C-alpha atoms as a PDB file:
ATOM      1  CA  MET A   1      29.137  40.319  32.212  1.00  0.00           C
ATOM      2  CA  ASN A   2      30.625  36.908  31.388  1.00  0.00           C
ATOM      3  CA  LYS A   3      29.541  35.574  34.765  1.00  0.00           C
ATOM      4  CA  GLN A   4      25.961  36.688  34.146  1.00  0.00           C
ATOM      5  CA  THR A   5      26.037  35.065  30.703  1.00  0.00           C
ATOM      6  CA  ASN A   6      27.380  31.821  32.150  1.00  0.00           C
ATOM      7  CA  ARG A   7      24.736  31.859  34.872  1.00  0.00           C
ATOM      8  CA  SER A   8      21.971  32.394  32.336  1.00  0.00           C
ATOM      9  CA  ASP A   9      23.310  29.539  30.199  1.00  0.00           C
ATOM     10  CA  VAL A  10      23.493  27.251  33.231  1.00  0.00           C
ATOM     11  CA  SER A  11      19.982  28.183  34.324  1.00  0.00           C
ATOM     12  CA  PHE A  12      18.663  27.592  30.795  1.00  0.00           C
ATOM     13  CA  ILE A  13      20.260  24.134  30.676  1.00  0.00           C
ATOM     14  CA  LYS A  14      18.943  23.438  34.159  1.00  0.00           C
ATOM     15  CA  ARG A  15      15.404  24.343  33.090  1.00  0.00           C
ATOM     16  CA  ILE A  16      15.679  22.000  30.122  1.00  0.00           C
ATOM     17  CA  GLN A  17      16.880  19.187  32.387  1.00  0.00           C
ATOM     18  CA  ILE A  18      14.026  19.776  34.824  1.00  0.00           C
ATOM     19  CA  ARG A  19      11.502  19.848  31.975  1.00  0.00           C
ATOM     20  CA  CYS A  20      12.862  16.585  30.539  1.00  0.00           C
ATOM     21  CA  GLN A  21      12.730  14.955  33.964  1.00  0.00           C
ATOM     22  CA  GLN A  22       9.099  16.071  34.337  1.00  0.00           C
ATOM     23  CA  HIS A  23       8.192  14.571  30.958  1.00  0.00           C
ATOM     24  CA  ILE A  24       9.934  11.284  31.758  1.00  0.00           C
ATOM     25  CA  HIS A  25       8.260  11.089  35.163  1.00  0.00           C
ATOM     26  CA  GLN A  26       4.808  11.844  33.748  1.00  0.00           C
ATOM     27  CA  ALA A  27       5.299   9.351  30.878  1.00  0.00           C
ATOM     28  CA  ILE A  28       6.195   6.563  33.310  1.00  0.00           C
ATOM     29  CA  ALA A  29       3.398   7.548  35.679  1.00  0.00           C
ATOM     30  CA  SER A  30       0.845   7.561  32.846  1.00  0.00           C
ATOM     31  CA  LEU A  31       1.957   4.071  31.781  1.00  0.00           C
ATOM     32  CA  THR A  32       1.499   2.930  35.379  1.00  0.00           C
ATOM     33  CA  ASP A  33      -1.977   4.503  35.448  1.00  0.00           C
ATOM     34  CA  VAL A  34      -2.890   2.675  32.232  1.00  0.00           C
ATOM     35  CA  TRP A  35      -2.256  -0.701  33.866  1.00  0.00           C
ATOM     36  CA  ARG A  36      -4.215   0.188  36.988  1.00  0.00           C
ATOM     37  CA  THR A  37      -7.272  -0.753  34.923  1.00  0.00           C
ATOM     38  CA  PRO A  38      -5.759  -3.537  32.826  1.00  0.00           C
ATOM     39  CA  ILE A  39      -8.960  -4.948  31.349  1.00  0.00           C
ATOM     40  CA  ALA A  40     -10.338  -1.609  30.147  1.00  0.00           C
ATOM     41  CA  SER A  41      -6.923  -0.479  28.862  1.00  0.00           C
ATOM     42  CA  LEU A  42      -6.243  -3.776  27.118  1.00  0.00           C
ATOM     43  CA  MET A  43      -9.681  -3.694  25.472  1.00  0.00           C
ATOM     44  CA  THR A  44      -8.982  -0.196  24.130  1.00  0.00           C
ATOM     45  CA  MET A  45      -5.566  -1.249  22.802  1.00  0.00           C
ATOM     46  CA  LEU A  46      -7.026  -4.376  21.191  1.00  0.00           C
ATOM     47  CA  VAL A  47      -9.765  -2.345  19.509  1.00  0.00           C
ATOM     48  CA  LEU A  48      -7.163   0.091  18.198  1.00  0.00           C
ATOM     49  CA  GLY A  49      -4.817  -2.688  17.091  1.00  0.00           C
ATOM     50  CA  VAL A  50      -7.430  -4.840  15.359  1.00  0.00           C
ATOM     51  CA  SER A  51      -9.004  -1.800  13.701  1.00  0.00           C
ATOM     52  CA  LEU A  52      -5.623  -0.801  12.267  1.00  0.00           C
ATOM     53  CA  ALA A  53      -4.735  -4.396  11.363  1.00  0.00           C
ATOM     54  CA  LEU A  54      -7.672  -4.680   8.959  1.00  0.00           C
ATOM     55  CA  PRO A  55      -6.625  -1.825   6.616  1.00  0.00           C
ATOM     56  CA  SER A  56      -3.003  -2.891   7.066  1.00  0.00           C
ATOM     57  CA  THR A  57      -3.821  -6.437   5.913  1.00  0.00           C
ATOM     58  CA  LEU A  58      -5.913  -5.115   3.032  1.00  0.00           C
ATOM     59  CA  TYR A  59      -2.958  -2.936   2.040  1.00  0.00           C
ATOM     60  CA  VAL A  60      -0.694  -6.004   1.949  1.00  0.00           C
ATOM     61  CA  VAL A  61      -3.242  -7.808  -0.266  1.00  0.00           C
ATOM     62  CA  LEU A  62      -3.486  -4.755  -2.542  1.00  0.00           C
ATOM     63  CA  LYS A  63       0.306  -4.432  -2.789  1.00  0.00           C
ATOM     64  CA  ASN A  64       0.718  -8.076  -3.752  1.00  0.00           C
ATOM     65  CA  SER A  65      -2.168  -7.839  -6.230  1.00  0.00           C
ATOM     66  CA  GLN A  66      -0.427  -4.936  -7.938  1.00  0.00           C
ATOM     67  CA  THR A  67       2.787  -6.973  -8.056  1.00  0.00           C
ATOM     68  CA  VAL A  68       0.945  -9.857  -9.729  1.00  0.00           C
ATOM     69  CA  SER A  69      -0.729  -7.409 -12.126  1.00  0.00           C
ATOM     70  CA  GLU A  70       2.627  -5.932 -13.113  1.00  0.00           C
ATOM     71  CA  GLY A  71       3.909  -9.437 -13.807  1.00  0.00           C
ATOM     72  CA  TRP A  72       0.940 -10.176 -16.042  1.00  0.00           C
ATOM     73  CA  THR A  73       1.163  -6.902 -17.937  1.00  0.00           C
ATOM     74  CA  SER A  74       4.793  -7.701 -18.763  1.00  0.00           C
ATOM     75  CA  THR A  75       3.486 -10.472 -21.052  1.00  0.00           C
ATOM     76  CA  THR A  76       1.200  -8.113 -23.002  1.00  0.00           C
ATOM     77  CA  ASP A  77       2.374  -8.512 -26.616  1.00  0.00           C
ATOM     78  CA  ILE A  78       0.939  -7.061 -29.818  1.00  0.00           C
ATOM     79  CA  ASN A  79       0.652  -9.383 -32.810  1.00  0.00           C
ATOM     80  CA  LEU A  80       0.921  -7.638 -36.182  1.00  0.00           C
ATOM     81  CA  PHE A  81      -0.349  -9.702 -39.137  1.00  0.00           C
ATOM     82  CA  LEU A  82       1.411  -8.448 -42.267  1.00  0.00           C
ATOM     83  CA  LYS A  83      -0.091  -8.137 -45.723  1.00  0.00           C
ATOM     84  CA  LYS A  84       0.459 -11.060 -48.092  1.00  0.00           C
ATOM     85  CA  GLY A  85       2.293 -10.820 -51.363  1.00  0.00           C
ATOM     86  CA  LEU A  86       4.726  -8.111 -50.314  1.00  0.00           C
ATOM     87  CA  PRO A  87       8.452  -8.526 -51.002  1.00  0.00           C
ATOM     88  CA  GLU A  88      10.808  -9.234 -48.111  1.00  0.00           C
ATOM     89  CA  SER A  89      12.347  -5.779 -48.511  1.00  0.00           C
ATOM     90  CA  ARG A  90       9.041  -4.198 -47.408  1.00  0.00           C
ATOM     91  CA  TYR A  91       9.021  -6.345 -44.279  1.00  0.00           C
ATOM     92  CA  LYS A  92      12.622  -5.364 -43.533  1.00  0.00           C
ATOM     93  CA  ASN A  93      11.719  -1.689 -43.895  1.00  0.00           C
ATOM     94  CA  LEU A  94       8.923  -2.177 -41.368  1.00  0.00           C
ATOM     95  CA  LEU A  95      11.338  -3.800 -38.906  1.00  0.00           C
ATOM     96  CA  GLN A  96      13.734  -0.890 -39.304  1.00  0.00           C
ATOM     97  CA  ARG A  97      10.939   1.589 -38.540  1.00  0.00           C
ATOM     98  CA  LEU A  98       9.901  -0.388 -35.461  1.00  0.00           C
ATOM     99  CA  LYS A  99      13.383   0.197 -34.026  1.00  0.00           C
ATOM    100  CA  THR A 100      12.635   3.930 -33.956  1.00  0.00           C
ATOM    101  CA  TYR A 101       9.446   3.527 -31.862  1.00  0.00           C
ATOM    102  CA  LYS A 102      10.025   4.808 -28.341  1.00  0.00           C
ATOM    103  CA  GLU A 103       7.138   2.631 -27.099  1.00  0.00           C
ATOM    104  CA  VAL A 104       8.629  -0.647 -28.386  1.00  0.00           C
ATOM    105  CA  ASP A 105      10.912  -2.655 -26.126  1.00  0.00           C
ATOM    106  CA  SER A 106      11.554  -5.547 -28.515  1.00  0.00           C
ATOM    107  CA  PHE A 107       9.987  -7.356 -31.447  1.00  0.00           C
ATOM    108  CA  GLU A 108      10.250 -10.703 -33.211  1.00  0.00           C
ATOM    109  CA  TYR A 109       9.640 -11.329 -36.905  1.00  0.00           C
ATOM    110  CA  ILE A 110       8.003 -14.669 -37.735  1.00  0.00           C
ATOM    111  CA  SER A 111       7.873 -15.474 -41.425  1.00  0.00           C
ATOM    112  CA  LYS A 112       4.953 -17.404 -42.855  1.00  0.00           C
ATOM    113  CA  GLU A 113       7.190 -20.477 -43.254  1.00  0.00           C
ATOM    114  CA  GLN A 114       8.200 -20.319 -39.588  1.00  0.00           C
ATOM    115  CA  GLY A 115       4.582 -19.829 -38.637  1.00  0.00           C
ATOM    116  CA  MET A 116       3.534 -22.919 -40.589  1.00  0.00           C
ATOM    117  CA  GLU A 117       6.249 -25.063 -38.979  1.00  0.00           C
ATOM    118  CA  GLU A 118       5.235 -23.924 -35.511  1.00  0.00           C
ATOM    119  CA  PHE A 119       1.569 -24.561 -36.312  1.00  0.00           C
ATOM    120  CA  LYS A 120       2.401 -28.080 -37.464  1.00  0.00           C
ATOM    121  CA  ARG A 121       4.237 -28.828 -34.230  1.00  0.00           C
ATOM    122  CA  SER A 122       1.505 -27.438 -31.995  1.00  0.00           C
ATOM    123  CA  SER A 123      -1.559 -28.748 -33.859  1.00  0.00           C
ATOM    124  CA  GLY A 124      -0.433 -32.256 -34.780  1.00  0.00           C
ATOM    125  CA  LEU A 125      -2.073 -31.930 -38.216  1.00  0.00           C
ATOM    126  CA  VAL A 126       1.086 -32.482 -40.230  1.00  0.00           C
ATOM    127  CA  SER A 127      -0.458 -34.892 -42.727  1.00  0.00           C
ATOM    128  CA  ALA A 128      -3.476 -32.681 -43.359  1.00  0.00           C
ATOM    129  CA  LEU A 129      -1.416 -29.502 -43.756  1.00  0.00           C
ATOM    130  CA  THR A 130       0.835 -31.116 -46.354  1.00  0.00           C
ATOM    131  CA  LEU A 131      -2.179 -31.373 -48.663  1.00  0.00           C
ATOM    132  CA  LEU A 132      -2.400 -27.574 -48.941  1.00  0.00           C
ATOM    133  CA  ASP A 133      -1.127 -26.201 -52.243  1.00  0.00           C
ATOM    134  CA  HIS A 134       0.013 -22.931 -50.627  1.00  0.00           C
ATOM    135  CA  ASN A 135       0.752 -21.466 -47.202  1.00  0.00           C
ATOM    136  CA  PRO A 136      -2.307 -19.473 -46.025  1.00  0.00           C
ATOM    137  CA  LEU A 137      -0.575 -18.002 -42.971  1.00  0.00           C
ATOM    138  CA  PRO A 138       0.699 -14.413 -43.056  1.00  0.00           C
ATOM    139  CA  ALA A 139       4.001 -13.183 -41.705  1.00  0.00           C
ATOM    140  CA  VAL A 140       3.717 -11.924 -38.142  1.00  0.00           C
ATOM    141  CA  VAL A 141       5.639  -9.458 -36.032  1.00  0.00           C
ATOM    142  CA  VAL A 142       5.291  -9.891 -32.237  1.00  0.00           C
ATOM    143  CA  VAL A 143       5.868  -6.522 -30.560  1.00  0.00           C
ATOM    144  CA  THR A 144       6.616  -6.217 -26.831  1.00  0.00           C
ATOM    145  CA  PRO A 145       5.917  -2.721 -25.460  1.00  0.00           C
ATOM    146  CA  LYS A 146       8.132  -1.035 -22.897  1.00  0.00           C
ATOM    147  CA  PRO A 147       6.904  -1.315 -19.267  1.00  0.00           C
ATOM    148  CA  TYR A 148       5.433   2.207 -19.274  1.00  0.00           C
ATOM    149  CA  TYR A 149       3.258   1.343 -22.291  1.00  0.00           C
ATOM    150  CA  ARG A 150       1.904  -1.990 -21.025  1.00  0.00           C
ATOM    151  CA  SER A 151      -1.227  -0.608 -19.406  1.00  0.00           C
ATOM    152  CA  SER A 152      -4.509  -1.215 -21.207  1.00  0.00           C
ATOM    153  CA  ILE A 153      -4.919   2.377 -22.493  1.00  0.00           C
ATOM    154  CA  ALA A 154      -1.281   2.836 -23.565  1.00  0.00           C
ATOM    155  CA  ALA A 155      -1.182  -0.579 -25.261  1.00  0.00           C
ATOM    156  CA  GLN A 156      -4.348   0.176 -27.229  1.00  0.00           C
ATOM    157  CA  GLU A 157      -2.901   3.505 -28.380  1.00  0.00           C
ATOM    158  CA  LEU A 158       0.282   1.746 -29.495  1.00  0.00           C
ATOM    159  CA  LEU A 159      -1.795  -0.877 -31.355  1.00  0.00           C
ATOM    160  CA  ALA A 160      -3.692   1.838 -33.248  1.00  0.00           C
ATOM    161  CA  LYS A 161      -0.391   3.504 -34.162  1.00  0.00           C
ATOM    162  CA  LEU A 162       1.145   0.257 -35.431  1.00  0.00           C
ATOM    163  CA  GLU A 163      -1.933  -0.610 -37.491  1.00  0.00           C
ATOM    164  CA  ARG A 164      -1.360   2.547 -39.522  1.00  0.00           C
ATOM    165  CA  GLU A 165       1.849   1.083 -40.941  1.00  0.00           C
ATOM    166  CA  PRO A 166       1.312   0.273 -44.672  1.00  0.00           C
ATOM    167  CA  GLU A 167       2.662  -3.281 -44.349  1.00  0.00           C
ATOM    168  CA  VAL A 168       0.294  -4.216 -41.503  1.00  0.00           C
ATOM    169  CA  GLN A 169      -2.954  -5.935 -42.415  1.00  0.00           C
ATOM    170  CA  GLN A 170      -4.310  -6.262 -38.866  1.00  0.00           C
ATOM    171  CA  GLY A 171      -3.138  -6.018 -35.281  1.00  0.00           C
ATOM    172  CA  LYS A 172      -4.343  -8.048 -32.325  1.00  0.00           C
ATOM    173  CA  LEU A 173      -4.078  -7.342 -28.624  1.00  0.00           C
ATOM    174  CA  ASP A 174      -5.956  -9.377 -26.030  1.00  0.00           C
ATOM    175  CA  ILE A 175      -6.363  -6.458 -23.648  1.00  0.00           C
ATOM    176  CA  MET A 176      -9.865  -6.842 -22.265  1.00  0.00           C
ATOM    177  CA  TRP A 177      -8.764  -9.107 -19.409  1.00  0.00           C
ATOM    178  CA  LEU A 178      -6.062  -6.593 -18.505  1.00  0.00           C
ATOM    179  CA  ALA A 179      -8.549  -3.708 -18.476  1.00  0.00           C
ATOM    180  CA  ARG A 180     -10.884  -5.714 -16.234  1.00  0.00           C
ATOM    181  CA  LEU A 181      -7.996  -6.581 -13.910  1.00  0.00           C
ATOM    182  CA  GLU A 182      -6.954  -2.931 -13.629  1.00  0.00           C
ATOM    183  CA  GLY A 183     -10.574  -1.958 -12.953  1.00  0.00           C
ATOM    184  CA  ILE A 184     -10.893  -4.556 -10.179  1.00  0.00           C
ATOM    185  CA  ILE A 185      -7.618  -3.432  -8.569  1.00  0.00           C
ATOM    186  CA  SER A 186      -8.732   0.220  -8.797  1.00  0.00           C
ATOM    187  CA  ILE A 187     -12.049  -0.582  -7.080  1.00  0.00           C
ATOM    188  CA  PHE A 188     -10.229  -2.601  -4.425  1.00  0.00           C
ATOM    189  CA  SER A 189      -7.827   0.298  -3.840  1.00  0.00           C
ATOM    190  CA  ASP A 190     -10.723   2.713  -3.325  1.00  0.00           C
ATOM    191  CA  ALA A 191     -12.398   0.208  -0.985  1.00  0.00           C
ATOM    192  CA  VAL A 192      -9.212  -0.068   1.095  1.00  0.00           C
ATOM    193  CA  PHE A 193      -9.062   3.721   1.377  1.00  0.00           C
ATOM    194  CA  VAL A 194     -12.726   4.022   2.434  1.00  0.00           C
ATOM    195  CA  VAL A 195     -12.449   1.190   4.974  1.00  0.00           C
ATOM    196  CA  SER A 196      -9.252   2.714   6.384  1.00  0.00           C
ATOM    197  CA  VAL A 197     -10.867   6.141   6.834  1.00  0.00           C
ATOM    198  CA  LEU A 198     -13.936   4.655   8.547  1.00  0.00           C
ATOM    199  CA  LEU A 199     -11.903   2.465  10.885  1.00  0.00           C
ATOM    200  CA  LEU A 200      -9.477   5.246  11.767  1.00  0.00           C
ATOM    201  CA  SER A 201     -12.429   7.532  12.548  1.00  0.00           C
ATOM    202  CA  SER A 202     -13.980   4.895  14.801  1.00  0.00           C
ATOM    203  CA  VAL A 203     -10.650   4.327  16.554  1.00  0.00           C
ATOM    204  CA  LEU A 204     -10.318   8.081  17.080  1.00  0.00           C
ATOM    205  CA  LEU A 205     -13.745   8.220  18.701  1.00  0.00           C
ATOM    206  CA  ILE A 206     -13.211   5.134  20.867  1.00  0.00           C
ATOM    207  CA  THR A 207      -9.808   6.257  22.126  1.00  0.00           C
ATOM    208  CA  GLY A 208     -11.079   9.776  22.735  1.00  0.00           C
ATOM    209  CA  ASN A 209     -14.011   8.445  24.743  1.00  0.00           C
ATOM    210  CA  THR A 210     -11.658   6.290  26.833  1.00  0.00           C
ATOM    211  CA  ILE A 211      -9.505   9.337  27.613  1.00  0.00           C
ATOM    212  CA  ARG A 212     -12.666  11.284  28.493  1.00  0.00           C
ATOM    213  CA  LEU A 213     -13.637   8.605  31.029  1.00  0.00           C
ATOM    214  CA  ASN A 214     -10.137   8.744  32.521  1.00  0.00           C
ATOM    215  CA  ILE A 215     -10.433  12.509  32.902  1.00  0.00           C
ATOM    216  CA  LEU A 216     -13.826  12.291  34.587  1.00  0.00           C
ATOM    217  CA  SER A 217     -12.647   9.552  36.947  1.00  0.00           C
ATOM    218  CA  ASN A 218      -9.752  11.803  38.011  1.00  0.00           C
ATOM    219  CA  ARG A 219     -11.860  14.950  38.327  1.00  0.00           C
ATOM    220  CA  ALA A 220     -11.145  15.411  42.048  1.00  0.00           C
ATOM    221  CA  GLU A 221      -7.381  15.100  41.512  1.00  0.00           C
ATOM    222  CA  ILE A 222      -7.519  17.622  38.661  1.00  0.00           C
ATOM    223  CA  GLU A 223      -9.387  20.106  40.853  1.00  0.00           C
ATOM    224  CA  VAL A 224      -6.747  19.754  43.588  1.00  0.00           C
ATOM    225  CA  LEU A 225      -3.936  20.323  41.089  1.00  0.00           C
ATOM    226  CA  LYS A 226      -5.604  23.463  39.784  1.00  0.00           C
ATOM    227  CA  LEU A 227      -6.123  24.697  43.367  1.00  0.00           C
ATOM    228  CA  VAL A 228      -2.373  24.558  44.017  1.00  0.00           C
ATOM    229  CA  GLY A 229      -1.665  26.482  40.805  1.00  0.00           C
ATOM    230  CA  ALA A 230      -1.111  23.779  38.168  1.00  0.00           C
ATOM    231  CA  THR A 231      -1.627  24.997  34.611  1.00  0.00           C
ATOM    232  CA  ASN A 232      -3.872  23.263  32.106  1.00  0.00           C
ATOM    233  CA  ALA A 233      -0.794  22.142  30.149  1.00  0.00           C
ATOM    234  CA  PHE A 234       0.645  20.427  33.241  1.00  0.00           C
ATOM    235  CA  VAL A 235      -2.667  18.708  33.986  1.00  0.00           C
ATOM    236  CA  GLN A 236      -3.177  17.649  30.362  1.00  0.00           C
ATOM    237  CA  ARG A 237       0.268  16.118  29.886  1.00  0.00           C
ATOM    238  CA  PRO A 238      -0.326  12.753  31.662  1.00  0.00           C
ATOM    239  CA  PHE A 239      -3.488  12.165  29.612  1.00  0.00           C
ATOM    240  CA  LEU A 240      -1.593  12.948  26.412  1.00  0.00           C
ATOM    241  CA  TYR A 241       0.993  10.357  27.391  1.00  0.00           C
ATOM    242  CA  THR A 242      -1.861   7.939  28.049  1.00  0.00           C
ATOM    243  CA  GLY A 243      -3.014   8.469  24.465  1.00  0.00           C
ATOM    244  CA  PHE A 244       0.576   7.918  23.331  1.00  0.00           C
ATOM    245  CA  TRP A 245       0.775   4.575  25.139  1.00  0.00           C
ATOM    246  CA  TYR A 246      -2.594   3.487  23.772  1.00  0.00           C
ATOM    247  CA  GLY A 247      -1.388   4.249  20.254  1.00  0.00           C
ATOM    248  CA  ALA A 248       2.078   2.711  20.640  1.00  0.00           C
ATOM    249  CA  ILE A 249       0.872  -0.578  22.116  1.00  0.00           C
ATOM    250  CA  GLY A 250      -2.113  -0.661  19.763  1.00  0.00           C
ATOM    251  CA  GLY A 251       0.253  -0.179  16.805  1.00  0.00           C
ATOM    252  CA  ILE A 252       2.398  -3.114  17.943  1.00  0.00           C
ATOM    253  CA  ILE A 253      -0.749  -5.244  18.216  1.00  0.00           C
ATOM    254  CA  ALA A 254      -1.795  -4.157  14.700  1.00  0.00           C
ATOM    255  CA  TRP A 255       1.610  -5.156  13.329  1.00  0.00           C
ATOM    256  CA  LEU A 256       1.493  -8.584  15.041  1.00  0.00           C
ATOM    257  CA  VAL A 257      -2.044  -9.233  13.765  1.00  0.00           C
ATOM    258  CA  THR A 258      -0.972  -8.260  10.239  1.00  0.00           C
ATOM    259  CA  VAL A 259       2.014 -10.637  10.396  1.00  0.00           C
ATOM    260  CA  PHE A 260      -0.290 -13.430  11.574  1.00  0.00           C
ATOM    261  CA  MET A 261      -2.791 -12.754   8.773  1.00  0.00           C
ATOM    262  CA  VAL A 262      -0.036 -12.791   6.127  1.00  0.00           C
ATOM    263  CA  TYR A 263       1.321 -16.064   7.553  1.00  0.00           C
ATOM    264  CA  TRP A 264      -2.195 -17.537   7.604  1.00  0.00           C
ATOM    265  CA  MET A 265      -2.825 -16.617   3.935  1.00  0.00           C
ATOM    266  CA  GLU A 266       0.573 -17.762   2.690  1.00  0.00           C
ATOM    267  CA  ASP A 267      -0.266 -21.473   2.313  1.00  0.00           C
ATOM    268  CA  THR A 268      -3.486 -20.706   0.441  1.00  0.00           C
ATOM    269  CA  VAL A 269      -1.686 -18.369  -1.959  1.00  0.00           C
ATOM    270  CA  LEU A 270       1.108 -20.902  -2.558  1.00  0.00           C
ATOM    271  CA  ASN A 271      -1.419 -23.635  -3.357  1.00  0.00           C
ATOM    272  CA  LEU A 272      -3.196 -21.308  -5.788  1.00  0.00           C
ATOM    273  CA  ALA A 273       0.094 -20.355  -7.448  1.00  0.00           C
ATOM    274  CA  GLN A 274       0.995 -24.025  -7.925  1.00  0.00           C
ATOM    275  CA  LEU A 275      -2.250 -24.585  -9.841  1.00  0.00           C
ATOM    276  CA  TYR A 276      -1.016 -22.009 -12.388  1.00  0.00           C
ATOM    277  CA  ASN A 277       2.570 -23.346 -12.344  1.00  0.00           C
ATOM    278  CA  THR A 278       3.908 -20.076 -10.997  1.00  0.00           C
ATOM    279  CA  ALA A 279       6.120 -19.227  -8.046  1.00  0.00           C
ATOM    280  CA  PHE A 280       4.777 -16.424  -5.902  1.00  0.00           C
ATOM    281  CA  ASN A 281       5.535 -15.416  -2.326  1.00  0.00           C
ATOM    282  CA  ILE A 282       3.481 -12.947  -0.330  1.00  0.00           C
ATOM    283  CA  GLU A 283       5.405  -9.787   0.472  1.00  0.00           C
ATOM    284  CA  GLY A 284       4.576  -8.497   3.948  1.00  0.00           C
ATOM    285  CA  LEU A 285       5.105  -5.065   5.428  1.00  0.00           C
ATOM    286  CA  MET A 286       8.502  -3.482   4.889  1.00  0.00           C
ATOM    287  CA  PHE A 287      10.338  -1.696   7.709  1.00  0.00           C
ATOM    288  CA  SER A 288       9.240   1.741   6.479  1.00  0.00           C
ATOM    289  CA  GLU A 289       5.628   0.546   6.287  1.00  0.00           C
ATOM    290  CA  ILE A 290       5.816  -0.877   9.819  1.00  0.00           C
ATOM    291  CA  MET A 291       7.132   2.451  11.072  1.00  0.00           C
ATOM    292  CA  LEU A 292       4.310   4.238   9.241  1.00  0.00           C
ATOM    293  CA  LEU A 293       1.784   1.916  10.903  1.00  0.00           C
ATOM    294  CA  LEU A 294       3.234   2.602  14.359  1.00  0.00           C
ATOM    295  CA  MET A 295       3.376   6.361  13.755  1.00  0.00           C
ATOM    296  CA  THR A 296      -0.232   6.329  12.538  1.00  0.00           C
ATOM    297  CA  ALA A 297      -1.354   4.487  15.671  1.00  0.00           C
ATOM    298  CA  ILE A 298       0.572   6.871  17.933  1.00  0.00           C
ATOM    299  CA  GLY A 299      -0.777   9.856  16.024  1.00  0.00           C
ATOM    300  CA  ILE A 300      -4.357   8.645  16.464  1.00  0.00           C
ATOM    301  CA  GLY A 301      -3.773   8.150  20.183  1.00  0.00           C
ATOM    302  CA  LEU A 302      -2.291  11.628  20.612  1.00  0.00           C
ATOM    303  CA  ILE A 303      -4.943  13.370  18.487  1.00  0.00           C
ATOM    304  CA  SER A 304      -7.842  11.710  20.302  1.00  0.00           C
ATOM    305  CA  ALA A 305      -6.234  12.492  23.666  1.00  0.00           C
ATOM    306  CA  ALA A 306      -5.578  16.115  22.683  1.00  0.00           C
ATOM    307  CA  ILE A 307      -9.197  16.624  21.611  1.00  0.00           C
ATOM    308  CA  SER A 308     -10.528  15.178  24.875  1.00  0.00           C
ATOM    309  CA  VAL A 309      -8.170  16.999  27.249  1.00  0.00           C
ATOM    310  CA  ASN A 310      -8.565  20.375  25.528  1.00  0.00           C
ATOM    311  CA  TYR A 311     -12.327  20.147  25.831  1.00  0.00           C
ATOM    312  CA  TYR A 312     -12.903  18.505  29.210  1.00  0.00           C
ATOM    313  CA  ILE A 313      -9.971  19.640  31.371  1.00  0.00           C
ATOM    314  CA  ALA A 314     -10.645  23.266  30.496  1.00  0.00           C
ATOM    315  CA  LYS A 315     -14.195  22.823  31.826  1.00  0.00           C
ATOM    316  CA  ILE A 316     -13.026  21.382  35.167  1.00  0.00           C
ATOM    317  CA  GLU A 317     -12.490  24.158  37.702  1.00  0.00           C
ATOM    318  CA  PRO A 318     -12.167  23.849  41.489  1.00  0.00           C
ATOM    319  CA  SER A 319     -15.398  24.717  43.268  1.00  0.00           C
END
């Protein structure tokens, strides 16, 4: 009984080894077949690579735009102009209540005297302001929201809540530019998604048509294989590996094109950042994103090949 079990285990391992050797042989043979027609194969890989590089580059632009947007929203402050004539104790009570707000990250109290001194320094009208018989400026509290509440909608809701405080005369939040920026980024994100879907669909069709032409050009060989008893799965496997190689090499091309595009845009972005006295470096694709790009390209190659071989090889029968 033990001998039979050992024999069955050995035969099972042997079958796995034979199957792995078949896959390796067919993968190498399919790669060799790809380069038998180098121009046609290279054109297909370039089409796949360039088509994937465009949404990949747009994704890099979108990711960096969101990074810039997050940096700008971090400077979104709410200015609270306090009512005049109130005692300092009322202002202190307001500051104590602001500490209990879960939306508030920090705040700064600027008295009307501090505000006047700062206005004198910034305006240069010291001699004219000394002629005033009283200080017309109100006390101000500058509130910085927490990161989660720095979007345009959340900041406006926080402003409305703060304006209900009895010591607050008026609140100000310059949020329109932020709302427009978020709207532009949202539209750009949708555009990237639509362009990616269209390009991936076109790549799927082009790669599938290339595999179809390979099948038809090898029709006689397929008929001979089926005559000697080859199954459809055995006949389909080399063409599936062909789709794999198209996707893998096309994905590498897409990655290289994306790196080149990021490098080409870097000087322009740096010059633009210097005009605004800011330091900004373009962030390219991370390792996980590169792997996702390669897996997407390979997946497109395999899916297009699977669709073609399942439809056309099944229709080829020896006459």
